[in-house]
Amino acid sequence: MRANVRRLFRALLLIVLAGLLLAGCSNRLTRDQFERIQPGMTRAEVEALLGPPHRSYQGILTWTANHERTVITVVLDDQGRVDSKSADGL
């Protein structure tokens, strides 16, 4: 009886861990998120939509998903506001 409880506990633990791993891989970027990014938005406003960028260099912010097949790029102006945006793979 005790061995059955242990086996059941291990099986449940594996299911929970697998679910957590899959949830962590669900980094998704959507067309809706991209469309909500508007000129003049601050970096903080964009990050509220997309989370922190995966790359950031000299005012160019990049988010990737789907093994880097989906990319959203935002270019900030000198005041740190959205100047332009682009998307691939949405």
PDB file of N, CA and C in Angstrom:
ATOM      1  N   MET A   1       0.828  -1.198   0.000  1.00  0.00           N
ATOM      2  CA  MET A   1       0.000   0.000   0.000  1.00  0.00           C
ATOM      3  C   MET A   1       0.868   1.256   0.000  1.00  0.00           C
ATOM      4  N   ARG A   2       1.894   1.263   0.840  1.00  0.00           N
ATOM      5  CA  ARG A   2       2.776   2.414   0.930  1.00  0.00           C
ATOM      6  C   ARG A   2       3.516   2.667  -0.392  1.00  0.00           C
ATOM      7  N   ALA A   3       3.905   1.594  -1.066  1.00  0.00           N
ATOM      8  CA  ALA A   3       4.595   1.707  -2.352  1.00  0.00           C
ATOM      9  C   ALA A   3       3.666   2.330  -3.392  1.00  0.00           C
ATOM     10  N   ASN A   4       2.385   1.994  -3.345  1.00  0.00           N
ATOM     11  CA  ASN A   4       1.416   2.574  -4.288  1.00  0.00           C
ATOM     12  C   ASN A   4       1.253   4.071  -4.062  1.00  0.00           C
ATOM     13  N   VAL A   5       1.250   4.485  -2.810  1.00  0.00           N
ATOM     14  CA  VAL A   5       1.130   5.906  -2.481  1.00  0.00           C
ATOM     15  C   VAL A   5       2.357   6.663  -2.988  1.00  0.00           C
ATOM     16  N   ARG A   6       3.518   6.071  -2.810  1.00  0.00           N
ATOM     17  CA  ARG A   6       4.754   6.705  -3.302  1.00  0.00           C
ATOM     18  C   ARG A   6       4.732   6.838  -4.820  1.00  0.00           C
ATOM     19  N   ARG A   7       4.320   5.775  -5.497  1.00  0.00           N
ATOM     20  CA  ARG A   7       4.246   5.809  -6.964  1.00  0.00           C
ATOM     21  C   ARG A   7       3.261   6.871  -7.439  1.00  0.00           C
ATOM     22  N   LEU A   8       2.128   6.955  -6.781  1.00  0.00           N
ATOM     23  CA  LEU A   8       1.129   7.958  -7.131  1.00  0.00           C
ATOM     24  C   LEU A   8       1.676   9.360  -6.891  1.00  0.00           C
ATOM     25  N   PHE A   9       2.340   9.556  -5.757  1.00  0.00           N
ATOM     26  CA  PHE A   9       2.935  10.851  -5.446  1.00  0.00           C
ATOM     27  C   PHE A   9       3.976  11.235  -6.499  1.00  0.00           C
ATOM     28  N   ARG A  10       4.843  10.313  -6.874  1.00  0.00           N
ATOM     29  CA  ARG A  10       5.863  10.590  -7.902  1.00  0.00           C
ATOM     30  C   ARG A  10       5.213  10.940  -9.236  1.00  0.00           C
ATOM     31  N   ALA A  11       4.182  10.189  -9.598  1.00  0.00           N
ATOM     32  CA  ALA A  11       3.501  10.456 -10.870  1.00  0.00           C
ATOM     33  C   ALA A  11       2.880  11.851 -10.862  1.00  0.00           C
ATOM     34  N   LEU A  12       2.236  12.225  -9.784  1.00  0.00           N
ATOM     35  CA  LEU A  12       1.633  13.548  -9.673  1.00  0.00           C
ATOM     36  C   LEU A  12       2.697  14.642  -9.702  1.00  0.00           C
ATOM     37  N   LEU A  13       3.802  14.401  -9.032  1.00  0.00           N
ATOM     38  CA  LEU A  13       4.896  15.364  -9.021  1.00  0.00           C
ATOM     39  C   LEU A  13       5.445  15.570 -10.432  1.00  0.00           C
ATOM     40  N   LEU A  14       5.621  14.491 -11.175  1.00  0.00           N
ATOM     41  CA  LEU A  14       6.103  14.601 -12.555  1.00  0.00           C
ATOM     42  C   LEU A  14       5.114  15.368 -13.434  1.00  0.00           C
ATOM     43  N   ILE A  15       3.840  15.139 -13.251  1.00  0.00           N
ATOM     44  CA  ILE A  15       2.820  15.846 -14.031  1.00  0.00           C
ATOM     45  C   ILE A  15       2.866  17.346 -13.728  1.00  0.00           C
ATOM     46  N   VAL A  16       2.978  17.686 -12.454  1.00  0.00           N
ATOM     47  CA  VAL A  16       3.045  19.097 -12.050  1.00  0.00           C
ATOM     48  C   VAL A  16       4.297  19.755 -12.624  1.00  0.00           C
ATOM     49  N   LEU A  17       5.440  19.100 -12.523  1.00  0.00           N
ATOM     50  CA  LEU A  17       6.683  19.658 -13.050  1.00  0.00           C
ATOM     51  C   LEU A  17       6.618  19.827 -14.568  1.00  0.00           C
ATOM     52  N   ALA A  18       6.057  18.851 -15.257  1.00  0.00           N
ATOM     53  CA  ALA A  18       5.923  18.965 -16.712  1.00  0.00           C
ATOM     54  C   ALA A  18       5.022  20.142 -17.070  1.00  0.00           C
ATOM     55  N   GLY A  19       3.952  20.318 -16.332  1.00  0.00           N
ATOM     56  CA  GLY A  19       3.054  21.448 -16.569  1.00  0.00           C
ATOM     57  C   GLY A  19       3.749  22.781 -16.354  1.00  0.00           C
ATOM     58  N   LEU A  20       4.564  22.873 -15.313  1.00  0.00           N
ATOM     59  CA  LEU A  20       5.306  24.105 -15.050  1.00  0.00           C
ATOM     60  C   LEU A  20       6.313  24.390 -16.159  1.00  0.00           C
ATOM     61  N   LEU A  21       6.982  23.369 -16.638  1.00  0.00           N
ATOM     62  CA  LEU A  21       7.934  23.550 -17.730  1.00  0.00           C
ATOM     63  C   LEU A  21       7.233  24.032 -18.995  1.00  0.00           C
ATOM     64  N   LEU A  22       6.103  23.434 -19.309  1.00  0.00           N
ATOM     65  CA  LEU A  22       5.363  23.849 -20.500  1.00  0.00           C
ATOM     66  C   LEU A  22       4.827  25.264 -20.358  1.00  0.00           C
ATOM     67  N   ALA A  23       4.392  25.620 -19.179  1.00  0.00           N
ATOM     68  CA  ALA A  23       3.898  26.981 -18.954  1.00  0.00           C
ATOM     69  C   ALA A  23       5.022  27.988 -19.143  1.00  0.00           C
ATOM     70  N   GLY A  24       6.223  27.640 -18.734  1.00  0.00           N
ATOM     71  CA  GLY A  24       7.366  28.524 -18.908  1.00  0.00           C
ATOM     72  C   GLY A  24       7.754  28.689 -20.362  1.00  0.00           C
ATOM     73  N   CYS A  25       7.379  27.748 -21.211  1.00  0.00           N
ATOM     74  CA  CYS A  25       7.709  27.818 -22.632  1.00  0.00           C
ATOM     75  C   CYS A  25       6.637  28.536 -23.440  1.00  0.00           C
ATOM     76  N   SER A  26       5.630  29.060 -22.784  1.00  0.00           N
ATOM     77  CA  SER A  26       4.515  29.656 -23.518  1.00  0.00           C
ATOM     78  C   SER A  26       4.738  31.138 -23.800  1.00  0.00           C
ATOM     79  N   ASN A  27       5.989  31.534 -23.943  1.00  0.00           N
ATOM     80  CA  ASN A  27       6.323  32.911 -24.277  1.00  0.00           C
ATOM     81  C   ASN A  27       5.742  33.219 -25.647  1.00  0.00           C
ATOM     82  N   ARG A  28       4.657  33.981 -25.679  1.00  0.00           N
ATOM     83  CA  ARG A  28       3.975  34.258 -26.935  1.00  0.00           C
ATOM     84  C   ARG A  28       3.893  35.746 -27.162  1.00  0.00           C
ATOM     85  N   LEU A  29       4.016  36.111 -28.409  1.00  0.00           N
ATOM     86  CA  LEU A  29       3.779  37.482 -28.839  1.00  0.00           C
ATOM     87  C   LEU A  29       2.599  37.425 -29.793  1.00  0.00           C
ATOM     88  N   THR A  30       1.683  38.374 -29.650  1.00  0.00           N
ATOM     89  CA  THR A  30       0.472  38.329 -30.473  1.00  0.00           C
ATOM     90  C   THR A  30       0.325  39.584 -31.322  1.00  0.00           C
ATOM     91  N   ARG A  31      -0.459  39.460 -32.360  1.00  0.00           N
ATOM     92  CA  ARG A  31      -0.774  40.600 -33.230  1.00  0.00           C
ATOM     93  C   ARG A  31      -1.467  41.680 -32.412  1.00  0.00           C
ATOM     94  N   ASP A  32      -2.333  41.286 -31.468  1.00  0.00           N
ATOM     95  CA  ASP A  32      -3.038  42.246 -30.623  1.00  0.00           C
ATOM     96  C   ASP A  32      -2.050  43.072 -29.797  1.00  0.00           C
ATOM     97  N   GLN A  33      -1.061  42.422 -29.208  1.00  0.00           N
ATOM     98  CA  GLN A  33      -0.051  43.159 -28.446  1.00  0.00           C
ATOM     99  C   GLN A  33       0.663  44.161 -29.350  1.00  0.00           C
ATOM    100  N   PHE A  34       1.052  43.714 -30.534  1.00  0.00           N
ATOM    101  CA  PHE A  34       1.761  44.584 -31.467  1.00  0.00           C
ATOM    102  C   PHE A  34       0.905  45.793 -31.845  1.00  0.00           C
ATOM    103  N   GLU A  35      -0.367  45.566 -32.138  1.00  0.00           N
ATOM    104  CA  GLU A  35      -1.262  46.653 -32.540  1.00  0.00           C
ATOM    105  C   GLU A  35      -1.486  47.658 -31.414  1.00  0.00           C
ATOM    106  N   ARG A  36      -1.375  47.225 -30.172  1.00  0.00           N
ATOM    107  CA  ARG A  36      -1.590  48.126 -29.034  1.00  0.00           C
ATOM    108  C   ARG A  36      -0.405  49.063 -28.784  1.00  0.00           C
ATOM    109  N   ILE A  37       0.747  48.768 -29.374  1.00  0.00           N
ATOM    110  CA  ILE A  37       1.916  49.655 -29.246  1.00  0.00           C
ATOM    111  C   ILE A  37       1.693  50.857 -30.150  1.00  0.00           C
ATOM    112  N   GLN A  38       1.689  52.044 -29.565  1.00  0.00           N
ATOM    113  CA  GLN A  38       1.399  53.269 -30.309  1.00  0.00           C
ATOM    114  C   GLN A  38       2.565  54.245 -30.233  1.00  0.00           C
ATOM    115  N   PRO A  39       2.757  55.053 -31.291  1.00  0.00           N
ATOM    116  CA  PRO A  39       3.789  56.091 -31.246  1.00  0.00           C
ATOM    117  C   PRO A  39       3.591  56.981 -30.018  1.00  0.00           C
ATOM    118  N   GLY A  40       4.696  57.332 -29.368  1.00  0.00           N
ATOM    119  CA  GLY A  40       4.632  58.196 -28.201  1.00  0.00           C
ATOM    120  C   GLY A  40       4.547  57.462 -26.875  1.00  0.00           C
ATOM    121  N   MET A  41       4.285  56.143 -26.919  1.00  0.00           N
ATOM    122  CA  MET A  41       4.254  55.383 -25.661  1.00  0.00           C
ATOM    123  C   MET A  41       5.648  55.352 -25.050  1.00  0.00           C
ATOM    124  N   THR A  42       5.709  55.294 -23.740  1.00  0.00           N
ATOM    125  CA  THR A  42       6.991  55.190 -23.051  1.00  0.00           C
ATOM    126  C   THR A  42       7.468  53.735 -23.057  1.00  0.00           C
ATOM    127  N   ARG A  43       8.733  53.569 -22.764  1.00  0.00           N
ATOM    128  CA  ARG A  43       9.287  52.219 -22.645  1.00  0.00           C
ATOM    129  C   ARG A  43       8.528  51.423 -21.589  1.00  0.00           C
ATOM    130  N   ALA A  44       8.221  52.062 -20.470  1.00  0.00           N
ATOM    131  CA  ALA A  44       7.496  51.377 -19.390  1.00  0.00           C
ATOM    132  C   ALA A  44       6.124  50.900 -19.860  1.00  0.00           C
ATOM    133  N   GLU A  45       5.446  51.694 -20.675  1.00  0.00           N
ATOM    134  CA  GLU A  45       4.130  51.296 -21.197  1.00  0.00           C
ATOM    135  C   GLU A  45       4.250  50.096 -22.133  1.00  0.00           C
ATOM    136  N   VAL A  46       5.282  50.099 -22.965  1.00  0.00           N
ATOM    137  CA  VAL A  46       5.494  48.964 -23.872  1.00  0.00           C
ATOM    138  C   VAL A  46       5.844  47.711 -23.075  1.00  0.00           C
ATOM    139  N   GLU A  47       6.697  47.872 -22.064  1.00  0.00           N
ATOM    140  CA  GLU A  47       7.066  46.723 -21.248  1.00  0.00           C
ATOM    141  C   GLU A  47       5.882  46.189 -20.443  1.00  0.00           C
ATOM    142  N   ALA A  48       4.936  47.041 -20.114  1.00  0.00           N
ATOM    143  CA  ALA A  48       3.727  46.575 -19.436  1.00  0.00           C
ATOM    144  C   ALA A  48       2.931  45.645 -20.355  1.00  0.00           C
ATOM    145  N   LEU A  49       3.001  45.887 -21.661  1.00  0.00           N
ATOM    146  CA  LEU A  49       2.316  45.030 -22.637  1.00  0.00           C
ATOM    147  C   LEU A  49       3.077  43.738 -22.923  1.00  0.00           C
ATOM    148  N   LEU A  50       4.397  43.852 -23.103  1.00  0.00           N
ATOM    149  CA  LEU A  50       5.191  42.738 -23.619  1.00  0.00           C
ATOM    150  C   LEU A  50       6.132  42.105 -22.607  1.00  0.00           C
ATOM    151  N   GLY A  51       6.301  42.747 -21.454  1.00  0.00           N
ATOM    152  CA  GLY A  51       7.312  42.290 -20.514  1.00  0.00           C
ATOM    153  C   GLY A  51       8.652  42.905 -20.885  1.00  0.00           C
ATOM    154  N   PRO A  52       9.694  42.588 -20.141  1.00  0.00           N
ATOM    155  CA  PRO A  52      11.002  43.171 -20.458  1.00  0.00           C
ATOM    156  C   PRO A  52      11.506  42.660 -21.807  1.00  0.00           C
ATOM    157  N   PRO A  53      12.216  43.498 -22.552  1.00  0.00           N
ATOM    158  CA  PRO A  53      12.712  43.057 -23.867  1.00  0.00           C
ATOM    159  C   PRO A  53      13.792  41.993 -23.714  1.00  0.00           C
ATOM    160  N   HIS A  54      13.897  41.157 -24.722  1.00  0.00           N
ATOM    161  CA  HIS A  54      14.950  40.146 -24.721  1.00  0.00           C
ATOM    162  C   HIS A  54      16.299  40.765 -25.076  1.00  0.00           C
ATOM    163  N   ARG A  55      16.252  41.830 -25.879  1.00  0.00           N
ATOM    164  CA  ARG A  55      17.461  42.570 -26.215  1.00  0.00           C
ATOM    165  C   ARG A  55      17.136  44.055 -26.213  1.00  0.00           C
ATOM    166  N   SER A  56      18.116  44.845 -25.812  1.00  0.00           N
ATOM    167  CA  SER A  56      17.954  46.298 -25.801  1.00  0.00           C
ATOM    168  C   SER A  56      19.314  46.913 -26.094  1.00  0.00           C
ATOM    169  N   TYR A  57      19.371  47.742 -27.140  1.00  0.00           N
ATOM    170  CA  TYR A  57      20.634  48.382 -27.501  1.00  0.00           C
ATOM    171  C   TYR A  57      20.342  49.725 -28.143  1.00  0.00           C
ATOM    172  N   GLN A  58      20.823  50.774 -27.535  1.00  0.00           N
ATOM    173  CA  GLN A  58      20.719  52.137 -28.054  1.00  0.00           C
ATOM    174  C   GLN A  58      19.299  52.486 -28.523  1.00  0.00           C
ATOM    175  N   GLY A  59      18.324  52.200 -27.675  1.00  0.00           N
ATOM    176  CA  GLY A  59      16.944  52.573 -27.972  1.00  0.00           C
ATOM    177  C   GLY A  59      16.204  51.630 -28.902  1.00  0.00           C
ATOM    178  N   ILE A  60      16.811  50.512 -29.239  1.00  0.00           N
ATOM    179  CA  ILE A  60      16.137  49.499 -30.052  1.00  0.00           C
ATOM    180  C   ILE A  60      15.834  48.315 -29.144  1.00  0.00           C
ATOM    181  N   LEU A  61      14.553  48.062 -28.947  1.00  0.00           N
ATOM    182  CA  LEU A  61      14.095  47.004 -28.047  1.00  0.00           C
ATOM    183  C   LEU A  61      13.557  45.847 -28.873  1.00  0.00           C
ATOM    184  N   THR A  62      13.924  44.624 -28.514  1.00  0.00           N
ATOM    185  CA  THR A  62      13.500  43.459 -29.284  1.00  0.00           C
ATOM    186  C   THR A  62      12.932  42.387 -28.368  1.00  0.00           C
ATOM    187  N   TRP A  63      11.787  41.868 -28.764  1.00  0.00           N
ATOM    188  CA  TRP A  63      11.153  40.737 -28.086  1.00  0.00           C
ATOM    189  C   TRP A  63      11.083  39.596 -29.081  1.00  0.00           C
ATOM    190  N   THR A  64      11.354  38.382 -28.628  1.00  0.00           N
ATOM    191  CA  THR A  64      11.286  37.218 -29.506  1.00  0.00           C
ATOM    192  C   THR A  64      10.458  36.118 -28.854  1.00  0.00           C
ATOM    193  N   ALA A  65       9.919  35.255 -29.694  1.00  0.00           N
ATOM    194  CA  ALA A  65       9.161  34.091 -29.228  1.00  0.00           C
ATOM    195  C   ALA A  65       9.246  33.020 -30.309  1.00  0.00           C
ATOM    196  N   ASN A  66       8.749  31.851 -29.982  1.00  0.00           N
ATOM    197  CA  ASN A  66       8.667  30.771 -30.961  1.00  0.00           C
ATOM    198  C   ASN A  66      10.038  30.481 -31.561  1.00  0.00           C
ATOM    199  N   HIS A  67      11.019  30.309 -30.710  1.00  0.00           N
ATOM    200  CA  HIS A  67      12.400  30.028 -31.128  1.00  0.00           C
ATOM    201  C   HIS A  67      12.919  31.100 -32.078  1.00  0.00           C
ATOM    202  N   GLU A  68      12.607  32.345 -31.750  1.00  0.00           N
ATOM    203  CA  GLU A  68      13.039  33.539 -32.483  1.00  0.00           C
ATOM    204  C   GLU A  68      12.456  33.645 -33.895  1.00  0.00           C
ATOM    205  N   ARG A  69      11.365  32.912 -34.163  1.00  0.00           N
ATOM    206  CA  ARG A  69      10.679  33.066 -35.454  1.00  0.00           C
ATOM    207  C   ARG A  69       9.666  34.200 -35.395  1.00  0.00           C
ATOM    208  N   THR A  70       9.274  34.589 -34.187  1.00  0.00           N
ATOM    209  CA  THR A  70       8.372  35.722 -34.003  1.00  0.00           C
ATOM    210  C   THR A  70       9.173  36.824 -33.315  1.00  0.00           C
ATOM    211  N   VAL A  71       9.172  38.019 -33.927  1.00  0.00           N
ATOM    212  CA  VAL A  71       9.984  39.122 -33.410  1.00  0.00           C
ATOM    213  C   VAL A  71       9.182  40.412 -33.454  1.00  0.00           C
ATOM    214  N   ILE A  72       9.198  41.149 -32.353  1.00  0.00           N
ATOM    215  CA  ILE A  72       8.667  42.515 -32.315  1.00  0.00           C
ATOM    216  C   ILE A  72       9.833  43.421 -31.962  1.00  0.00           C
ATOM    217  N   THR A  73      10.016  44.465 -32.774  1.00  0.00           N
ATOM    218  CA  THR A  73      11.078  45.442 -32.534  1.00  0.00           C
ATOM    219  C   THR A  73      10.444  46.813 -32.366  1.00  0.00           C
ATOM    220  N   VAL A  74      10.886  47.536 -31.353  1.00  0.00           N
ATOM    221  CA  VAL A  74      10.408  48.892 -31.081  1.00  0.00           C
ATOM    222  C   VAL A  74      11.618  49.808 -31.032  1.00  0.00           C
ATOM    223  N   VAL A  75      11.534  50.923 -31.757  1.00  0.00           N
ATOM    224  CA  VAL A  75      12.602  51.920 -31.747  1.00  0.00           C
ATOM    225  C   VAL A  75      12.112  53.124 -30.958  1.00  0.00           C
ATOM    226  N   LEU A  76      12.908  53.520 -29.961  1.00  0.00           N
ATOM    227  CA  LEU A  76      12.561  54.666 -29.127  1.00  0.00           C
ATOM    228  C   LEU A  76      13.268  55.920 -29.639  1.00  0.00           C
ATOM    229  N   ASP A  77      12.614  57.071 -29.461  1.00  0.00           N
ATOM    230  CA  ASP A  77      13.242  58.338 -29.828  1.00  0.00           C
ATOM    231  C   ASP A  77      14.139  58.823 -28.690  1.00  0.00           C
ATOM    232  N   ASP A  78      14.677  60.035 -28.831  1.00  0.00           N
ATOM    233  CA  ASP A  78      15.598  60.576 -27.824  1.00  0.00           C
ATOM    234  C   ASP A  78      14.953  60.774 -26.455  1.00  0.00           C
ATOM    235  N   GLN A  79      13.627  60.894 -26.410  1.00  0.00           N
ATOM    236  CA  GLN A  79      12.920  61.053 -25.136  1.00  0.00           C
ATOM    237  C   GLN A  79      12.475  59.709 -24.553  1.00  0.00           C
ATOM    238  N   GLY A  80      12.856  58.605 -25.204  1.00  0.00           N
ATOM    239  CA  GLY A  80      12.490  57.282 -24.699  1.00  0.00           C
ATOM    240  C   GLY A  80      11.065  56.890 -25.011  1.00  0.00           C
ATOM    241  N   ARG A  81      10.509  57.468 -26.081  1.00  0.00           N
ATOM    242  CA  ARG A  81       9.136  57.146 -26.491  1.00  0.00           C
ATOM    243  C   ARG A  81       9.154  56.426 -27.838  1.00  0.00           C
ATOM    244  N   VAL A  82       8.109  55.634 -28.091  1.00  0.00           N
ATOM    245  CA  VAL A  82       8.043  54.844 -29.322  1.00  0.00           C
ATOM    246  C   VAL A  82       8.065  55.760 -30.533  1.00  0.00           C
ATOM    247  N   ASP A  83       9.039  55.515 -31.404  1.00  0.00           N
ATOM    248  CA  ASP A  83       9.153  56.233 -32.673  1.00  0.00           C
ATOM    249  C   ASP A  83       8.612  55.352 -33.807  1.00  0.00           C
ATOM    250  N   SER A  84       8.991  54.071 -33.783  1.00  0.00           N
ATOM    251  CA  SER A  84       8.510  53.123 -34.816  1.00  0.00           C
ATOM    252  C   SER A  84       8.484  51.724 -34.242  1.00  0.00           C
ATOM    253  N   LYS A  85       7.834  50.821 -34.964  1.00  0.00           N
ATOM    254  CA  LYS A  85       7.731  49.431 -34.539  1.00  0.00           C
ATOM    255  C   LYS A  85       7.686  48.558 -35.774  1.00  0.00           C
ATOM    256  N   SER A  86       8.077  47.303 -35.602  1.00  0.00           N
ATOM    257  CA  SER A  86       7.964  46.323 -36.677  1.00  0.00           C
ATOM    258  C   SER A  86       7.743  44.947 -36.085  1.00  0.00           C
ATOM    259  N   ALA A  87       7.220  44.059 -36.893  1.00  0.00           N
ATOM    260  CA  ALA A  87       6.960  42.692 -36.434  1.00  0.00           C
ATOM    261  C   ALA A  87       7.197  41.722 -37.569  1.00  0.00           C
ATOM    262  N   ASP A  88       7.715  40.561 -37.221  1.00  0.00           N
ATOM    263  CA  ASP A  88       7.885  39.456 -38.153  1.00  0.00           C
ATOM    264  C   ASP A  88       7.332  38.195 -37.506  1.00  0.00           C
ATOM    265  N   GLY A  89       6.631  37.406 -38.286  1.00  0.00           N
ATOM    266  CA  GLY A  89       6.170  36.123 -37.809  1.00  0.00           C
ATOM    267  C   GLY A  89       4.900  36.136 -36.994  1.00  0.00           C
ATOM    268  N   LEU A  90       4.175  37.241 -36.976  1.00  0.00           N
ATOM    269  CA  LEU A  90       2.912  37.268 -36.221  1.00  0.00           C
ATOM    270  C   LEU A  90       1.772  36.722 -37.048  1.00  0.00           C
TER     271      LEU A  90
END
